[in-house]
C-alpha atoms as a PDB file:
ATOM      1  CA  MET A   1      16.538  15.302  -0.961  1.00  0.00           C
ATOM      2  CA  LYS A   2      15.436  18.865  -0.281  1.00  0.00           C
ATOM      3  CA  THR A   3      12.550  18.670  -2.738  1.00  0.00           C
ATOM      4  CA  ILE A   4      11.299  15.429  -1.189  1.00  0.00           C
ATOM      5  CA  PHE A   5      11.436  16.912   2.295  1.00  0.00           C
ATOM      6  CA  GLU A   6       9.623  20.076   1.297  1.00  0.00           C
ATOM      7  CA  ASN A   7       6.786  18.132  -0.305  1.00  0.00           C
ATOM      8  CA  TRP A   8       6.232  15.265   2.143  1.00  0.00           C
ATOM      9  CA  ARG A   9       2.894  16.727   3.256  1.00  0.00           C
ATOM     10  CA  GLY A  10       1.303  15.841  -0.067  1.00  0.00           C
ATOM     11  CA  TYR A  11       2.276  12.203   0.047  1.00  0.00           C
ATOM     12  CA  ILE A  12       0.052  11.298   2.970  1.00  0.00           C
ATOM     13  CA  ASN A  13      -3.032  12.358   1.005  1.00  0.00           C
ATOM     14  CA  GLU A  14      -2.656   9.489  -1.467  1.00  0.00           C
ATOM     15  CA  SER A  15      -5.624   7.128  -1.253  1.00  0.00           C
ATOM     16  CA  LEU A  16      -4.896   3.885   0.561  1.00  0.00           C
ATOM     17  CA  LEU A  17      -5.832   0.575  -1.027  1.00  0.00           C
ATOM     18  CA  LEU A  18      -8.033  -0.837   1.727  1.00  0.00           C
ATOM     19  CA  LYS A  19     -10.856   0.449   3.864  1.00  0.00           C
ATOM     20  CA  LYS A  20     -11.287   0.278   7.604  1.00  0.00           C
ATOM     21  CA  GLY A  21     -13.010  -2.821   8.899  1.00  0.00           C
ATOM     22  CA  PRO A  22     -12.505  -6.540   9.562  1.00  0.00           C
ATOM     23  CA  ASN A  23     -11.809  -7.475   5.938  1.00  0.00           C
ATOM     24  CA  GLY A  24      -9.799  -4.359   5.151  1.00  0.00           C
ATOM     25  CA  TRP A  25      -7.049  -2.878   7.302  1.00  0.00           C
ATOM     26  CA  ASP A  26      -7.854  -5.177  10.233  1.00  0.00           C
ATOM     27  CA  GLN A  27      -7.237  -8.236   8.067  1.00  0.00           C
ATOM     28  CA  TYR A  28      -4.078  -6.711   6.639  1.00  0.00           C
ATOM     29  CA  ALA A  29      -2.778  -5.851  10.095  1.00  0.00           C
ATOM     30  CA  ASN A  30      -3.406  -9.393  11.292  1.00  0.00           C
ATOM     31  CA  LEU A  31      -1.499 -10.842   8.332  1.00  0.00           C
ATOM     32  CA  VAL A  32       1.509  -8.557   8.748  1.00  0.00           C
ATOM     33  CA  GLY A  33       1.516  -8.763  12.531  1.00  0.00           C
ATOM     34  CA  THR A  34       1.366 -12.546  12.517  1.00  0.00           C
ATOM     35  CA  ALA A  35       4.216 -12.652   9.995  1.00  0.00           C
ATOM     36  CA  TYR A  36       6.306 -10.364  12.216  1.00  0.00           C
ATOM     37  CA  LEU A  37       5.665 -12.432  15.342  1.00  0.00           C
ATOM     38  CA  SER A  38       6.669 -15.652  13.582  1.00  0.00           C
ATOM     39  CA  ALA A  39       9.727 -14.151  11.822  1.00  0.00           C
ATOM     40  CA  PRO A  40      13.285 -14.851  13.010  1.00  0.00           C
ATOM     41  CA  THR A  41      14.688 -12.390  15.523  1.00  0.00           C
ATOM     42  CA  TYR A  42      17.769 -11.719  13.410  1.00  0.00           C
ATOM     43  CA  GLU A  43      18.305 -12.297   9.697  1.00  0.00           C
ATOM     44  CA  GLN A  44      21.630 -11.586   8.045  1.00  0.00           C
ATOM     45  CA  ARG A  45      19.908 -10.742   4.749  1.00  0.00           C
ATOM     46  CA  ALA A  46      18.118  -7.869   6.467  1.00  0.00           C
ATOM     47  CA  ILE A  47      21.263  -6.086   7.695  1.00  0.00           C
ATOM     48  CA  PRO A  48      22.118  -4.113   4.505  1.00  0.00           C
ATOM     49  CA  HIS A  49      18.567  -2.735   4.420  1.00  0.00           C
ATOM     50  CA  PHE A  50      18.686  -1.599   8.038  1.00  0.00           C
ATOM     51  CA  GLU A  51      22.127  -0.081   7.479  1.00  0.00           C
ATOM     52  CA  ALA A  52      20.695   1.836   4.512  1.00  0.00           C
ATOM     53  CA  MET A  53      18.203   3.427   6.891  1.00  0.00           C
ATOM     54  CA  ILE A  54      20.988   5.071   8.912  1.00  0.00           C
ATOM     55  CA  GLU A  55      21.944   7.588   6.213  1.00  0.00           C
ATOM     56  CA  TYR A  56      18.271   8.401   5.696  1.00  0.00           C
ATOM     57  CA  ILE A  57      17.794   8.923   9.438  1.00  0.00           C
ATOM     58  CA  ASP A  58      20.815  11.217   9.799  1.00  0.00           C
ATOM     59  CA  THR A  59      19.810  13.360   6.809  1.00  0.00           C
ATOM     60  CA  MET A  60      16.157  13.704   7.777  1.00  0.00           C
ATOM     61  CA  TYR A  61      16.965  14.342  11.436  1.00  0.00           C
ATOM     62  CA  LYS A  62      19.061  17.376  10.495  1.00  0.00           C
ATOM     63  CA  ARG A  63      16.152  18.770   8.502  1.00  0.00           C
ATOM     64  CA  VAL A  64      13.533  18.062  11.160  1.00  0.00           C
ATOM     65  CA  SER A  65      15.685  19.541  13.944  1.00  0.00           C
ATOM     66  CA  SER A  66      15.992  22.759  11.940  1.00  0.00           C
ATOM     67  CA  ASN A  67      12.196  23.136  12.234  1.00  0.00           C
ATOM     68  CA  VAL A  68      11.589  22.123  15.846  1.00  0.00           C
ATOM     69  CA  ASP A  69      13.595  22.014  19.080  1.00  0.00           C
ATOM     70  CA  ILE A  70      14.020  18.313  19.884  1.00  0.00           C
ATOM     71  CA  HIS A  71      14.534  17.215  23.498  1.00  0.00           C
ATOM     72  CA  MET A  72      15.610  13.639  24.186  1.00  0.00           C
ATOM     73  CA  VAL A  73      13.986  12.423  27.427  1.00  0.00           C
ATOM     74  CA  ASP A  74      14.001   9.169  29.390  1.00  0.00           C
ATOM     75  CA  TYR A  75      10.213   8.834  29.586  1.00  0.00           C
ATOM     76  CA  HIS A  76       7.182   8.799  27.294  1.00  0.00           C
ATOM     77  CA  ALA A  77       6.182  12.463  27.175  1.00  0.00           C
ATOM     78  CA  TYR A  78       2.804  12.357  25.420  1.00  0.00           C
ATOM     79  CA  ALA A  79      -0.365  10.407  26.118  1.00  0.00           C
ATOM     80  CA  ASN A  80      -1.637  10.980  22.595  1.00  0.00           C
ATOM     81  CA  ALA A  81      -0.715  12.614  19.296  1.00  0.00           C
ATOM     82  CA  GLU A  82      -2.677  15.776  20.039  1.00  0.00           C
ATOM     83  CA  GLU A  83      -0.471  16.522  23.061  1.00  0.00           C
ATOM     84  CA  LEU A  84       2.559  16.168  20.785  1.00  0.00           C
ATOM     85  CA  ARG A  85       1.087  18.490  18.140  1.00  0.00           C
ATOM     86  CA  GLN A  86       0.167  21.123  20.723  1.00  0.00           C
ATOM     87  CA  ASP A  87       3.688  21.111  22.181  1.00  0.00           C
ATOM     88  CA  VAL A  88       5.144  21.687  18.726  1.00  0.00           C
ATOM     89  CA  LYS A  89       2.555  24.336  17.866  1.00  0.00           C
ATOM     90  CA  LYS A  90       2.801  26.313  21.105  1.00  0.00           C
ATOM     91  CA  ASN A  91       6.421  25.775  22.099  1.00  0.00           C
ATOM     92  CA  LYS A  92       8.216  24.744  18.892  1.00  0.00           C
ATOM     93  CA  ARG A  93       9.410  21.805  20.994  1.00  0.00           C
ATOM     94  CA  MET A  94       9.150  18.054  20.703  1.00  0.00           C
ATOM     95  CA  MET A  95      10.013  15.506  23.381  1.00  0.00           C
ATOM     96  CA  VAL A  96      11.413  12.196  22.125  1.00  0.00           C
ATOM     97  CA  SER A  97      11.747   9.180  24.394  1.00  0.00           C
ATOM     98  CA  THR A  98      15.082   7.361  24.486  1.00  0.00           C
ATOM     99  CA  ILE A  99      13.825   4.438  26.571  1.00  0.00           C
ATOM    100  CA  ASP A 100      13.310   0.977  25.072  1.00  0.00           C
ATOM    101  CA  ALA A 101      15.682   1.975  22.271  1.00  0.00           C
ATOM    102  CA  ASP A 102      17.868  -1.122  22.137  1.00  0.00           C
ATOM    103  CA  HIS A 103      18.421  -2.189  18.546  1.00  0.00           C
ATOM    104  CA  ALA A 104      20.710  -4.754  16.944  1.00  0.00           C
ATOM    105  CA  VAL A 105      21.755  -2.422  14.099  1.00  0.00           C
ATOM    106  CA  PHE A 106      21.043   1.159  15.238  1.00  0.00           C
ATOM    107  CA  ASP A 107      22.722   2.662  18.265  1.00  0.00           C
ATOM    108  CA  ASN A 108      20.338   4.179  20.819  1.00  0.00           C
ATOM    109  CA  MET A 109      20.689   7.705  19.456  1.00  0.00           C
ATOM    110  CA  THR A 110      20.014   6.622  15.865  1.00  0.00           C
ATOM    111  CA  ASN A 111      16.904   4.814  17.056  1.00  0.00           C
ATOM    112  CA  ALA A 112      15.780   7.911  18.963  1.00  0.00           C
ATOM    113  CA  LYS A 113      16.435  10.094  15.915  1.00  0.00           C
ATOM    114  CA  PHE A 114      14.189   7.837  13.856  1.00  0.00           C
ATOM    115  CA  ARG A 115      11.450   8.269  16.466  1.00  0.00           C
ATOM    116  CA  ALA A 116      11.829  12.031  16.135  1.00  0.00           C
ATOM    117  CA  ILE A 117      11.571  11.895  12.342  1.00  0.00           C
ATOM    118  CA  HIS A 118       8.584   9.574  12.539  1.00  0.00           C
ATOM    119  CA  ASP A 119       6.732  11.730  15.061  1.00  0.00           C
ATOM    120  CA  TYR A 120       7.339  15.018  13.292  1.00  0.00           C
ATOM    121  CA  LEU A 121       6.710  14.005   9.687  1.00  0.00           C
ATOM    122  CA  SER A 122       3.776  11.749  10.494  1.00  0.00           C
ATOM    123  CA  HIS A 123       2.019  12.752  13.690  1.00  0.00           C
ATOM    124  CA  VAL A 124       2.652  16.509  13.460  1.00  0.00           C
ATOM    125  CA  THR A 125       2.901  17.740   9.878  1.00  0.00           C
ATOM    126  CA  ALA A 126       1.136  15.150   7.708  1.00  0.00           C
ATOM    127  CA  LEU A 127      -2.435  15.630   6.478  1.00  0.00           C
ATOM    128  CA  LYS A 128      -1.887  19.372   6.036  1.00  0.00           C
ATOM    129  CA  SER A 129      -0.592  19.637   9.618  1.00  0.00           C
ATOM    130  CA  ARG A 130      -3.564  17.778  11.107  1.00  0.00           C
ATOM    131  CA  GLY A 131      -1.175  14.894  11.709  1.00  0.00           C
ATOM    132  CA  THR A 132      -1.827  11.202  12.106  1.00  0.00           C
ATOM    133  CA  GLU A 133      -2.864   9.525  15.347  1.00  0.00           C
ATOM    134  CA  PHE A 134      -1.169   6.982  17.639  1.00  0.00           C
ATOM    135  CA  THR A 135      -3.417   4.278  16.196  1.00  0.00           C
ATOM    136  CA  LEU A 136      -3.073   1.368  13.795  1.00  0.00           C
ATOM    137  CA  TYR A 137      -4.544   3.382  10.933  1.00  0.00           C
ATOM    138  CA  GLY A 138      -2.475   6.441  11.819  1.00  0.00           C
ATOM    139  CA  GLU A 139       0.737   4.425  11.766  1.00  0.00           C
ATOM    140  CA  LEU A 140      -0.164   2.867   8.412  1.00  0.00           C
ATOM    141  CA  GLN A 141      -0.732   6.364   7.048  1.00  0.00           C
ATOM    142  CA  ALA A 142       2.582   7.398   8.569  1.00  0.00           C
ATOM    143  CA  TYR A 143       4.416   4.676   6.681  1.00  0.00           C
ATOM    144  CA  ASN A 144       3.364   6.280   3.397  1.00  0.00           C
ATOM    145  CA  VAL A 145       5.151   9.456   4.460  1.00  0.00           C
ATOM    146  CA  HIS A 146       8.388   7.632   5.215  1.00  0.00           C
ATOM    147  CA  LEU A 147       8.112   5.550   2.080  1.00  0.00           C
ATOM    148  CA  LYS A 148       8.487   8.565  -0.179  1.00  0.00           C
ATOM    149  CA  THR A 149      11.482   9.954   1.696  1.00  0.00           C
ATOM    150  CA  ALA A 150      13.588   6.791   2.010  1.00  0.00           C
ATOM    151  CA  SER A 151      15.966   5.176  -0.466  1.00  0.00           C
ATOM    152  CA  PRO A 152      14.746   1.977  -2.184  1.00  0.00           C
ATOM    153  CA  LYS A 153      17.360  -0.092  -0.353  1.00  0.00           C
ATOM    154  CA  ALA A 154      16.047   1.094   3.014  1.00  0.00           C
ATOM    155  CA  VAL A 155      12.379   0.415   2.256  1.00  0.00           C
ATOM    156  CA  PRO A 156      12.251  -3.315   3.237  1.00  0.00           C
ATOM    157  CA  ALA A 157      13.679  -2.470   6.670  1.00  0.00           C
ATOM    158  CA  LEU A 158      11.395   0.555   6.965  1.00  0.00           C
ATOM    159  CA  PHE A 159       8.403  -1.726   6.418  1.00  0.00           C
ATOM    160  CA  THR A 160       9.565  -3.982   9.253  1.00  0.00           C
ATOM    161  CA  GLU A 161      10.260  -1.035  11.572  1.00  0.00           C
ATOM    162  CA  VAL A 162       6.955   0.775  11.037  1.00  0.00           C
ATOM    163  CA  VAL A 163       4.284  -1.541   9.634  1.00  0.00           C
ATOM    164  CA  GLY A 164       5.705  -4.740  11.113  1.00  0.00           C
ATOM    165  CA  GLN A 165       6.067  -3.395  14.623  1.00  0.00           C
ATOM    166  CA  VAL A 166       2.704  -1.635  14.868  1.00  0.00           C
ATOM    167  CA  THR A 167       0.742  -4.575  13.455  1.00  0.00           C
ATOM    168  CA  ALA A 168       2.617  -6.968  15.742  1.00  0.00           C
ATOM    169  CA  TYR A 169       1.574  -4.786  18.697  1.00  0.00           C
ATOM    170  CA  TYR A 170      -2.090  -5.385  17.884  1.00  0.00           C
ATOM    171  CA  ALA A 171      -1.626  -9.032  16.869  1.00  0.00           C
ATOM    172  CA  ASN A 172       0.144  -9.552  20.209  1.00  0.00           C
ATOM    173  CA  GLY A 173      -2.820  -8.358  22.268  1.00  0.00           C
ATOM    174  CA  GLU A 174      -1.672  -4.711  22.373  1.00  0.00           C
ATOM    175  CA  GLN A 175       1.666  -5.722  23.824  1.00  0.00           C
ATOM    176  CA  PHE A 176       4.934  -4.547  22.301  1.00  0.00           C
ATOM    177  CA  ALA A 177       6.659  -7.366  20.471  1.00  0.00           C
ATOM    178  CA  GLU A 178      10.352  -8.173  20.420  1.00  0.00           C
ATOM    179  CA  GLN A 179      12.494  -5.836  18.287  1.00  0.00           C
ATOM    180  CA  LYS A 180      13.475  -7.846  15.204  1.00  0.00           C
ATOM    181  CA  ILE A 181      15.971  -7.462  12.393  1.00  0.00           C
ATOM    182  CA  CYS A 182      14.078  -9.303   9.688  1.00  0.00           C
ATOM    183  CA  LEU A 183      12.357  -8.920   6.338  1.00  0.00           C
ATOM    184  CA  LEU A 184       8.666  -9.661   5.888  1.00  0.00           C
ATOM    185  CA  ASP A 185       8.160 -11.507   2.624  1.00  0.00           C
ATOM    186  CA  GLY A 186       4.903 -11.625   0.674  1.00  0.00           C
ATOM    187  CA  PHE A 187       3.928  -7.995   1.276  1.00  0.00           C
ATOM    188  CA  ASP A 188       4.167  -5.163  -1.239  1.00  0.00           C
ATOM    189  CA  TYR A 189       6.366  -2.564   0.452  1.00  0.00           C
ATOM    190  CA  TYR A 190       5.296   0.210  -1.913  1.00  0.00           C
ATOM    191  CA  ASN A 191       1.579  -0.482  -2.308  1.00  0.00           C
ATOM    192  CA  ILE A 192       0.609  -0.971   1.291  1.00  0.00           C
ATOM    193  CA  GLY A 193      -2.368  -3.302   1.517  1.00  0.00           C
ATOM    194  CA  LYS A 194      -1.287  -5.691  -1.228  1.00  0.00           C
ATOM    195  CA  VAL A 195      -0.493  -9.197   0.002  1.00  0.00           C
ATOM    196  CA  GLU A 196       0.752 -12.192  -1.950  1.00  0.00           C
ATOM    197  CA  GLY A 197      -2.036 -14.765  -2.290  1.00  0.00           C
ATOM    198  CA  TRP A 198      -4.811 -12.241  -1.686  1.00  0.00           C
ATOM    199  CA  ASP A 199      -6.944 -10.109  -4.025  1.00  0.00           C
ATOM    200  CA  ILE A 200      -8.275  -6.648  -3.235  1.00  0.00           C
ATOM    201  CA  ILE A 201     -11.979  -6.409  -4.086  1.00  0.00           C
ATOM    202  CA  ASN A 202     -14.005  -3.358  -3.062  1.00  0.00           C
ATOM    203  CA  LYS A 203     -11.080  -2.329  -0.859  1.00  0.00           C
ATOM    204  CA  GLU A 204     -11.202  -5.590   1.092  1.00  0.00           C
ATOM    205  CA  LEU A 205      -8.755  -8.493   1.134  1.00  0.00           C
ATOM    206  CA  ILE A 206     -10.114 -11.717  -0.341  1.00  0.00           C
ATOM    207  CA  LYS A 207      -8.096 -14.939  -0.161  1.00  0.00           C
ATOM    208  CA  LYS A 208      -7.279 -16.308  -3.629  1.00  0.00           C
END
């Protein structure tokens, strides 16, 4: 696990399969987001995958908290990712919101710990410490970071938690969707951008 943690910065630089635009990431986001919105709220088959995330979260949180002073707060502390990065850079401190943390599998603290891991590995230290943004594309980039640090059993739940939730936000008119314990079938969890029934041509999704 130590080697993976020490080298996560390189993973985000892998080329993504699609390009920005209506037939690239926008189309992909619409497909995933629509699938999330129409998925059941709670699926028993998803539980073992979400439970597998807990060990990953506890391990990675210990490593992240050894690099930055994490403060749990009951408000959203940053308006954008740059404010977050500057707080870490100048103060070696990161605020993590504990609000809206209700989850059917994670307790509130586990959910908040995952937010801390996500923010630090993705929005602060990825892309050679340039970090990713609080945007659709930034969150899709962020998923690639998590993907290489999670166990295979946890990956289906990780896809729902990161890719599913952010794409549902945009598919839902930039409104946060209901927290769901579900699996999103038909999507390649490891090669983000690949969708069952669609081809990728010139980095765009084309319906078969």
